[in-house]
Amino acid sequence: MRNGSPLMIVEDNETDVICIKRAFEKNGVSKPIITAANGEEALAYLRGETSESIVPGVRIPNLILLDLNMPIMNGFEFLEVIKADERFRCIPVIVLTSSTSKVDMNDSYKNCVAGYIEKPLDPEEYSEIIKILDQYWTLNFLPTLS
C-alpha cells in the first residue's frame, strides 16, 4: 500500500485480527496497523481521544477494514458516523465480515463502502484477500487526509 499512513482494522474477534496481520506480513505489507475492537474505539482513535498514535503526527488511516457484527458500536453505526463527518468520509472502508446477508451487503454500499468481502473460513485464505487488496490499494490514488 502506497504510503506510510496507517491501516485500521475494526474487529472484535482477536483471531481474525491475528489472521489479517499475519496475511499482511506474509505478503510483505509493512504498514502500521491500528486495531479497534468496535466502532466506538475506532472513533475515539480517529477523533484523537486516545493517546495511541501509530505514526507520529498521523492519526487518519488511509484504509479501514471493518467488521459489521461487533458489540458496543457495530459496523453500520460506525459507518453512519464517519460517513457523516467531513473529516472522515473520504477514508475508504472495506467491509470484511462473516455476514452473507444481501441486506447487510446492500446497506453497506448505501453507507458508501469501497468494498464488501466475506471472511474466509480457512485462515490461510486471508493471505489471498490481503494480497489482492494490497495490489489494488497500491495502484489506487487516495485523497490526502490529515
N, C-alpha and C. Protein backbone atom coordinates (compact mmCIF):
# COMPACT_ATOMS: atom_id res chain seq x y z
N MET A 1 0.85 -1.17 0.00
CA MET A 1 0.00 0.00 0.00
C MET A 1 0.89 1.23 0.00
N ARG A 2 0.47 2.21 -0.68
CA ARG A 2 1.31 3.29 -1.16
C ARG A 2 2.14 4.05 -0.14
N ASN A 3 1.56 4.59 0.92
CA ASN A 3 2.36 5.45 1.79
C ASN A 3 2.43 4.92 3.21
N GLY A 4 3.01 5.70 4.10
CA GLY A 4 3.21 5.26 5.48
C GLY A 4 2.03 5.49 6.38
N SER A 5 0.91 5.99 5.83
CA SER A 5 -0.27 6.17 6.67
C SER A 5 -0.73 4.81 7.18
N PRO A 6 -1.29 4.81 8.37
CA PRO A 6 -1.70 3.52 8.94
C PRO A 6 -2.95 2.94 8.28
N LEU A 7 -3.15 1.69 8.53
CA LEU A 7 -4.35 0.96 8.15
C LEU A 7 -5.08 0.68 9.45
N MET A 8 -6.40 0.71 9.43
CA MET A 8 -7.17 0.42 10.63
C MET A 8 -7.99 -0.85 10.44
N ILE A 9 -7.93 -1.73 11.44
CA ILE A 9 -8.77 -2.93 11.48
C ILE A 9 -9.75 -2.74 12.63
N VAL A 10 -11.05 -2.74 12.31
CA VAL A 10 -12.08 -2.62 13.33
C VAL A 10 -12.76 -3.98 13.40
N GLU A 11 -12.39 -4.74 14.41
CA GLU A 11 -12.76 -6.16 14.50
C GLU A 11 -12.73 -6.59 15.96
N ASP A 12 -13.78 -7.26 16.41
CA ASP A 12 -13.84 -7.71 17.80
C ASP A 12 -13.27 -9.10 18.02
N ASN A 13 -13.05 -9.84 16.95
CA ASN A 13 -12.54 -11.20 17.07
C ASN A 13 -11.01 -11.18 16.95
N GLU A 14 -10.34 -11.44 18.07
CA GLU A 14 -8.87 -11.36 18.10
C GLU A 14 -8.23 -12.35 17.13
N THR A 15 -8.84 -13.51 16.93
CA THR A 15 -8.29 -14.49 15.99
C THR A 15 -8.29 -13.93 14.58
N ASP A 16 -9.37 -13.24 14.21
CA ASP A 16 -9.43 -12.63 12.88
C ASP A 16 -8.39 -11.53 12.74
N VAL A 17 -8.20 -10.74 13.78
CA VAL A 17 -7.18 -9.68 13.75
C VAL A 17 -5.80 -10.30 13.52
N ILE A 18 -5.51 -11.37 14.24
CA ILE A 18 -4.21 -12.05 14.09
C ILE A 18 -4.06 -12.59 12.67
N CYS A 19 -5.10 -13.20 12.13
CA CYS A 19 -5.04 -13.74 10.76
C CYS A 19 -4.80 -12.63 9.74
N ILE A 20 -5.46 -11.49 9.92
CA ILE A 20 -5.27 -10.37 9.00
C ILE A 20 -3.85 -9.84 9.09
N LYS A 21 -3.35 -9.65 10.31
CA LYS A 21 -1.98 -9.15 10.48
C LYS A 21 -0.96 -10.12 9.90
N ARG A 22 -1.17 -11.41 10.10
CA ARG A 22 -0.25 -12.41 9.52
C ARG A 22 -0.29 -12.37 8.00
N ALA A 23 -1.48 -12.17 7.45
CA ALA A 23 -1.61 -12.10 6.00
C ALA A 23 -0.85 -10.89 5.45
N PHE A 24 -0.90 -9.77 6.16
CA PHE A 24 -0.12 -8.61 5.74
C PHE A 24 1.37 -8.93 5.77
N GLU A 25 1.82 -9.55 6.85
CA GLU A 25 3.24 -9.92 6.98
C GLU A 25 3.66 -10.88 5.87
N LYS A 26 2.82 -11.88 5.63
CA LYS A 26 3.12 -12.90 4.61
C LYS A 26 3.26 -12.27 3.22
N ASN A 27 2.49 -11.20 2.98
CA ASN A 27 2.53 -10.54 1.68
C ASN A 27 3.51 -9.37 1.64
N GLY A 28 4.29 -9.21 2.70
CA GLY A 28 5.31 -8.18 2.72
C GLY A 28 4.77 -6.76 2.85
N VAL A 29 3.56 -6.63 3.34
CA VAL A 29 2.96 -5.31 3.54
C VAL A 29 3.29 -4.87 4.95
N SER A 30 4.09 -3.83 5.07
CA SER A 30 4.57 -3.45 6.40
C SER A 30 3.98 -2.13 6.87
N LYS A 31 2.72 -1.91 6.58
CA LYS A 31 2.05 -0.69 7.02
C LYS A 31 1.81 -0.74 8.53
N PRO A 32 1.85 0.42 9.16
CA PRO A 32 1.43 0.46 10.57
C PRO A 32 -0.05 0.10 10.65
N ILE A 33 -0.41 -0.68 11.66
CA ILE A 33 -1.79 -1.15 11.79
C ILE A 33 -2.36 -0.70 13.12
N ILE A 34 -3.52 -0.07 13.06
CA ILE A 34 -4.29 0.34 14.23
C ILE A 34 -5.40 -0.69 14.38
N THR A 35 -5.64 -1.16 15.59
CA THR A 35 -6.76 -2.08 15.80
C THR A 35 -7.74 -1.47 16.80
N ALA A 36 -9.00 -1.75 16.56
CA ALA A 36 -10.07 -1.34 17.46
C ALA A 36 -11.07 -2.48 17.55
N ALA A 37 -11.58 -2.76 18.74
CA ALA A 37 -12.47 -3.90 18.95
C ALA A 37 -13.93 -3.58 18.62
N ASN A 38 -14.23 -2.32 18.35
CA ASN A 38 -15.59 -1.93 17.98
C ASN A 38 -15.56 -0.51 17.41
N GLY A 39 -16.70 -0.08 16.91
CA GLY A 39 -16.77 1.24 16.30
C GLY A 39 -16.47 2.38 17.26
N GLU A 40 -16.86 2.23 18.51
CA GLU A 40 -16.61 3.28 19.50
C GLU A 40 -15.11 3.50 19.72
N GLU A 41 -14.35 2.40 19.84
CA GLU A 41 -12.90 2.51 19.99
C GLU A 41 -12.26 3.14 18.74
N ALA A 42 -12.76 2.75 17.57
CA ALA A 42 -12.22 3.30 16.33
C ALA A 42 -12.48 4.80 16.24
N LEU A 43 -13.68 5.23 16.61
CA LEU A 43 -14.00 6.66 16.59
C LEU A 43 -13.15 7.43 17.58
N ALA A 44 -12.93 6.86 18.75
CA ALA A 44 -12.10 7.53 19.76
C ALA A 44 -10.70 7.76 19.20
N TYR A 45 -10.16 6.77 18.50
CA TYR A 45 -8.84 6.93 17.89
C TYR A 45 -8.88 8.03 16.83
N LEU A 46 -9.85 7.94 15.90
CA LEU A 46 -9.92 8.91 14.81
C LEU A 46 -10.07 10.34 15.32
N ARG A 47 -10.83 10.50 16.39
CA ARG A 47 -11.08 11.84 16.94
C ARG A 47 -9.94 12.34 17.83
N GLY A 48 -8.93 11.50 18.04
CA GLY A 48 -7.80 11.92 18.87
C GLY A 48 -8.09 11.83 20.36
N GLU A 49 -9.06 11.00 20.73
CA GLU A 49 -9.45 10.87 22.14
C GLU A 49 -8.65 9.79 22.86
N THR A 50 -7.69 9.20 22.18
CA THR A 50 -6.80 8.21 22.79
C THR A 50 -5.37 8.70 22.64
N SER A 51 -4.51 8.19 23.46
CA SER A 51 -3.11 8.61 23.38
C SER A 51 -2.34 7.80 22.34
N GLU A 52 -2.95 6.73 21.85
CA GLU A 52 -2.29 5.85 20.87
C GLU A 52 -2.05 6.62 19.57
N SER A 53 -0.84 6.54 19.07
CA SER A 53 -0.50 7.11 17.77
C SER A 53 0.52 6.20 17.12
N ILE A 54 0.11 5.50 16.09
CA ILE A 54 0.96 4.53 15.43
C ILE A 54 2.05 5.22 14.61
N VAL A 55 1.67 6.25 13.89
CA VAL A 55 2.61 7.02 13.09
C VAL A 55 2.64 8.43 13.68
N PRO A 56 3.78 8.90 14.14
CA PRO A 56 3.82 10.23 14.74
C PRO A 56 3.23 11.30 13.82
N GLY A 57 2.28 12.04 14.36
CA GLY A 57 1.65 13.11 13.60
C GLY A 57 0.56 12.68 12.65
N VAL A 58 0.30 11.38 12.51
CA VAL A 58 -0.72 10.88 11.60
C VAL A 58 -1.71 10.02 12.37
N ARG A 59 -2.96 10.44 12.40
CA ARG A 59 -3.99 9.68 13.09
C ARG A 59 -4.99 9.05 12.12
N ILE A 60 -5.05 9.58 10.92
CA ILE A 60 -6.07 9.14 9.98
C ILE A 60 -5.53 8.00 9.11
N PRO A 61 -6.17 6.84 9.15
CA PRO A 61 -5.73 5.73 8.30
C PRO A 61 -6.11 5.99 6.85
N ASN A 62 -5.41 5.35 5.93
CA ASN A 62 -5.80 5.51 4.53
C ASN A 62 -6.67 4.36 4.04
N LEU A 63 -7.01 3.44 4.95
CA LEU A 63 -7.94 2.36 4.65
C LEU A 63 -8.43 1.76 5.96
N ILE A 64 -9.72 1.44 6.01
CA ILE A 64 -10.30 0.79 7.19
C ILE A 64 -10.90 -0.54 6.75
N LEU A 65 -10.49 -1.62 7.44
CA LEU A 65 -11.13 -2.93 7.27
C LEU A 65 -12.12 -3.05 8.42
N LEU A 66 -13.39 -3.23 8.11
CA LEU A 66 -14.45 -3.14 9.11
C LEU A 66 -15.31 -4.39 9.19
N ASP A 67 -15.42 -4.93 10.39
CA ASP A 67 -16.40 -5.99 10.65
C ASP A 67 -17.74 -5.32 10.89
N LEU A 68 -18.82 -6.02 10.65
CA LEU A 68 -20.15 -5.45 10.88
C LEU A 68 -20.70 -5.80 12.26
N ASN A 69 -20.55 -7.05 12.66
CA ASN A 69 -21.17 -7.54 13.89
C ASN A 69 -20.20 -7.45 15.06
N MET A 70 -20.33 -6.35 15.80
CA MET A 70 -19.46 -6.11 16.95
C MET A 70 -20.30 -5.56 18.09
N PRO A 71 -19.81 -5.73 19.31
CA PRO A 71 -20.53 -5.17 20.46
C PRO A 71 -20.32 -3.65 20.57
N ILE A 72 -21.07 -3.03 21.40
CA ILE A 72 -20.99 -1.61 21.76
C ILE A 72 -21.41 -0.71 20.60
N MET A 73 -20.63 -0.66 19.54
CA MET A 73 -21.00 0.07 18.32
C MET A 73 -20.64 -0.82 17.13
N ASN A 74 -21.68 -1.27 16.42
CA ASN A 74 -21.42 -2.19 15.31
C ASN A 74 -20.94 -1.43 14.07
N GLY A 75 -20.65 -2.19 13.03
CA GLY A 75 -20.10 -1.61 11.82
C GLY A 75 -21.01 -0.61 11.13
N PHE A 76 -22.32 -0.89 11.11
CA PHE A 76 -23.26 0.04 10.48
C PHE A 76 -23.32 1.37 11.23
N GLU A 77 -23.35 1.29 12.54
CA GLU A 77 -23.37 2.52 13.35
C GLU A 77 -22.09 3.33 13.12
N PHE A 78 -20.96 2.63 13.07
CA PHE A 78 -19.68 3.28 12.81
C PHE A 78 -19.70 3.97 11.44
N LEU A 79 -20.17 3.26 10.43
CA LEU A 79 -20.23 3.82 9.08
C LEU A 79 -21.09 5.09 9.03
N GLU A 80 -22.24 5.05 9.69
CA GLU A 80 -23.11 6.22 9.70
C GLU A 80 -22.40 7.45 10.26
N VAL A 81 -21.63 7.24 11.32
CA VAL A 81 -20.93 8.36 11.95
C VAL A 81 -19.80 8.88 11.08
N ILE A 82 -18.93 7.99 10.59
CA ILE A 82 -17.78 8.50 9.84
C ILE A 82 -18.16 9.05 8.47
N LYS A 83 -19.18 8.49 7.85
CA LYS A 83 -19.58 8.99 6.53
C LYS A 83 -20.34 10.31 6.64
N ALA A 84 -20.82 10.66 7.84
CA ALA A 84 -21.48 11.94 8.06
C ALA A 84 -20.48 13.01 8.51
N ASP A 85 -19.25 12.62 8.80
CA ASP A 85 -18.24 13.54 9.31
C ASP A 85 -17.28 13.90 8.18
N GLU A 86 -17.21 15.18 7.85
CA GLU A 86 -16.37 15.63 6.74
C GLU A 86 -14.91 15.22 6.89
N ARG A 87 -14.42 15.13 8.12
CA ARG A 87 -13.02 14.76 8.34
C ARG A 87 -12.73 13.32 7.94
N PHE A 88 -13.74 12.45 8.00
CA PHE A 88 -13.50 11.01 7.83
C PHE A 88 -14.20 10.38 6.63
N ARG A 89 -15.11 11.10 6.01
CA ARG A 89 -15.94 10.46 4.98
C ARG A 89 -15.17 9.96 3.78
N CYS A 90 -14.00 10.52 3.51
CA CYS A 90 -13.21 10.08 2.34
C CYS A 90 -12.33 8.86 2.62
N ILE A 91 -12.28 8.42 3.87
CA ILE A 91 -11.47 7.23 4.17
C ILE A 91 -12.14 6.02 3.54
N PRO A 92 -11.46 5.31 2.67
CA PRO A 92 -12.06 4.10 2.09
C PRO A 92 -12.26 3.04 3.17
N VAL A 93 -13.44 2.43 3.14
CA VAL A 93 -13.78 1.37 4.09
C VAL A 93 -14.11 0.11 3.31
N ILE A 94 -13.44 -0.97 3.66
CA ILE A 94 -13.75 -2.29 3.12
C ILE A 94 -14.40 -3.09 4.24
N VAL A 95 -15.62 -3.56 4.00
CA VAL A 95 -16.28 -4.42 4.98
C VAL A 95 -15.69 -5.82 4.81
N LEU A 96 -15.23 -6.38 5.92
CA LEU A 96 -14.70 -7.74 5.97
C LEU A 96 -15.48 -8.45 7.06
N THR A 97 -16.46 -9.25 6.66
CA THR A 97 -17.45 -9.76 7.59
C THR A 97 -17.80 -11.21 7.32
N SER A 98 -18.36 -11.84 8.33
CA SER A 98 -18.86 -13.21 8.16
C SER A 98 -20.30 -13.22 7.64
N SER A 99 -20.91 -12.05 7.56
CA SER A 99 -22.30 -11.97 7.11
C SER A 99 -22.41 -12.26 5.62
N THR A 100 -23.33 -13.16 5.29
CA THR A 100 -23.62 -13.46 3.89
C THR A 100 -24.95 -12.83 3.46
N SER A 101 -25.48 -11.98 4.32
CA SER A 101 -26.78 -11.35 4.08
C SER A 101 -26.71 -10.32 2.96
N LYS A 102 -27.60 -10.44 1.99
CA LYS A 102 -27.69 -9.45 0.91
C LYS A 102 -28.11 -8.09 1.47
N VAL A 103 -28.94 -8.11 2.51
CA VAL A 103 -29.37 -6.86 3.16
C VAL A 103 -28.15 -6.15 3.75
N ASP A 104 -27.28 -6.90 4.45
CA ASP A 104 -26.07 -6.31 5.02
C ASP A 104 -25.17 -5.74 3.93
N MET A 105 -25.03 -6.48 2.83
CA MET A 105 -24.20 -6.01 1.74
C MET A 105 -24.78 -4.73 1.14
N ASN A 106 -26.07 -4.73 0.85
CA ASN A 106 -26.69 -3.55 0.27
C ASN A 106 -26.62 -2.35 1.21
N ASP A 107 -26.88 -2.58 2.50
CA ASP A 107 -26.81 -1.50 3.48
C ASP A 107 -25.38 -0.95 3.60
N SER A 108 -24.40 -1.83 3.46
CA SER A 108 -23.01 -1.38 3.50
C SER A 108 -22.71 -0.44 2.33
N TYR A 109 -23.13 -0.84 1.14
CA TYR A 109 -22.89 0.02 -0.02
C TYR A 109 -23.69 1.32 0.05
N LYS A 110 -24.87 1.27 0.66
CA LYS A 110 -25.63 2.51 0.87
C LYS A 110 -24.87 3.48 1.78
N ASN A 111 -23.99 2.93 2.62
CA ASN A 111 -23.16 3.73 3.51
C ASN A 111 -21.78 4.00 2.90
N CYS A 112 -21.69 3.89 1.57
CA CYS A 112 -20.51 4.31 0.81
C CYS A 112 -19.24 3.51 1.09
N VAL A 113 -19.36 2.20 1.32
CA VAL A 113 -18.14 1.41 1.48
C VAL A 113 -17.49 1.22 0.11
N ALA A 114 -16.18 0.98 0.15
CA ALA A 114 -15.42 0.77 -1.08
C ALA A 114 -15.47 -0.68 -1.53
N GLY A 115 -15.87 -1.58 -0.62
CA GLY A 115 -15.95 -2.99 -0.97
C GLY A 115 -16.56 -3.80 0.16
N TYR A 116 -17.02 -5.00 -0.18
CA TYR A 116 -17.66 -5.90 0.77
C TYR A 116 -17.09 -7.29 0.53
N ILE A 117 -16.39 -7.83 1.51
CA ILE A 117 -15.73 -9.13 1.37
C ILE A 117 -16.17 -10.03 2.52
N GLU A 118 -16.54 -11.26 2.17
CA GLU A 118 -16.88 -12.24 3.20
C GLU A 118 -15.59 -12.83 3.78
N LYS A 119 -15.55 -12.95 5.09
CA LYS A 119 -14.39 -13.54 5.75
C LYS A 119 -14.24 -14.99 5.29
N PRO A 120 -13.03 -15.41 5.04
CA PRO A 120 -12.83 -16.80 4.63
C PRO A 120 -12.99 -17.75 5.81
N LEU A 121 -13.39 -18.97 5.52
CA LEU A 121 -13.48 -20.00 6.55
C LEU A 121 -12.10 -20.51 6.93
N ASP A 122 -11.21 -20.56 5.96
CA ASP A 122 -9.85 -21.03 6.18
C ASP A 122 -8.94 -19.83 6.44
N PRO A 123 -8.30 -19.78 7.61
CA PRO A 123 -7.44 -18.63 7.92
C PRO A 123 -6.35 -18.36 6.88
N GLU A 124 -5.91 -19.39 6.17
CA GLU A 124 -4.89 -19.20 5.14
C GLU A 124 -5.41 -18.37 3.96
N GLU A 125 -6.73 -18.35 3.77
CA GLU A 125 -7.30 -17.59 2.66
C GLU A 125 -7.20 -16.08 2.88
N TYR A 126 -6.98 -15.65 4.12
CA TYR A 126 -6.79 -14.22 4.38
C TYR A 126 -5.62 -13.69 3.56
N SER A 127 -4.61 -14.51 3.39
CA SER A 127 -3.42 -14.08 2.65
C SER A 127 -3.77 -13.66 1.23
N GLU A 128 -4.61 -14.43 0.57
CA GLU A 128 -5.00 -14.10 -0.81
C GLU A 128 -5.83 -12.81 -0.84
N ILE A 129 -6.72 -12.65 0.13
CA ILE A 129 -7.54 -11.43 0.20
C ILE A 129 -6.63 -10.21 0.38
N ILE A 130 -5.70 -10.30 1.31
CA ILE A 130 -4.81 -9.17 1.58
C ILE A 130 -3.91 -8.89 0.38
N LYS A 131 -3.47 -9.93 -0.28
CA LYS A 131 -2.63 -9.75 -1.48
C LYS A 131 -3.39 -8.93 -2.53
N ILE A 132 -4.63 -9.28 -2.77
CA ILE A 132 -5.44 -8.57 -3.77
C ILE A 132 -5.72 -7.14 -3.31
N LEU A 133 -6.07 -6.95 -2.03
CA LEU A 133 -6.30 -5.60 -1.51
C LEU A 133 -5.04 -4.75 -1.64
N ASP A 134 -3.90 -5.32 -1.32
CA ASP A 134 -2.64 -4.58 -1.42
C ASP A 134 -2.37 -4.17 -2.86
N GLN A 135 -2.59 -5.10 -3.80
CA GLN A 135 -2.37 -4.77 -5.21
C GLN A 135 -3.28 -3.62 -5.65
N TYR A 136 -4.53 -3.68 -5.25
CA TYR A 136 -5.47 -2.63 -5.64
C TYR A 136 -5.09 -1.29 -5.01
N TRP A 137 -4.87 -1.29 -3.69
CA TRP A 137 -4.61 -0.02 -3.00
C TRP A 137 -3.23 0.54 -3.31
N THR A 138 -2.33 -0.28 -3.82
CA THR A 138 -1.04 0.23 -4.26
C THR A 138 -1.21 1.02 -5.56
N LEU A 139 -2.10 0.56 -6.42
CA LEU A 139 -2.37 1.25 -7.67
C LEU A 139 -3.30 2.45 -7.51
N ASN A 140 -4.17 2.37 -6.52
CA ASN A 140 -5.20 3.38 -6.29
C ASN A 140 -4.61 4.64 -5.66
N PHE A 141 -5.00 5.79 -6.15
CA PHE A 141 -4.59 7.05 -5.54
C PHE A 141 -5.66 7.47 -4.55
N LEU A 142 -5.23 7.82 -3.35
CA LEU A 142 -6.15 8.23 -2.30
C LEU A 142 -6.03 9.72 -2.04
N PRO A 143 -7.12 10.34 -1.57
CA PRO A 143 -7.01 11.76 -1.23
C PRO A 143 -6.07 11.95 -0.04
N THR A 144 -5.50 13.13 0.04
CA THR A 144 -4.63 13.43 1.17
C THR A 144 -5.52 13.76 2.36
N LEU A 145 -5.39 12.97 3.41
CA LEU A 145 -6.18 13.17 4.62
C LEU A 145 -5.26 13.59 5.73
N SER A 146 -5.74 14.45 6.60
CA SER A 146 -4.90 14.85 7.73
C SER A 146 -5.72 14.90 9.00
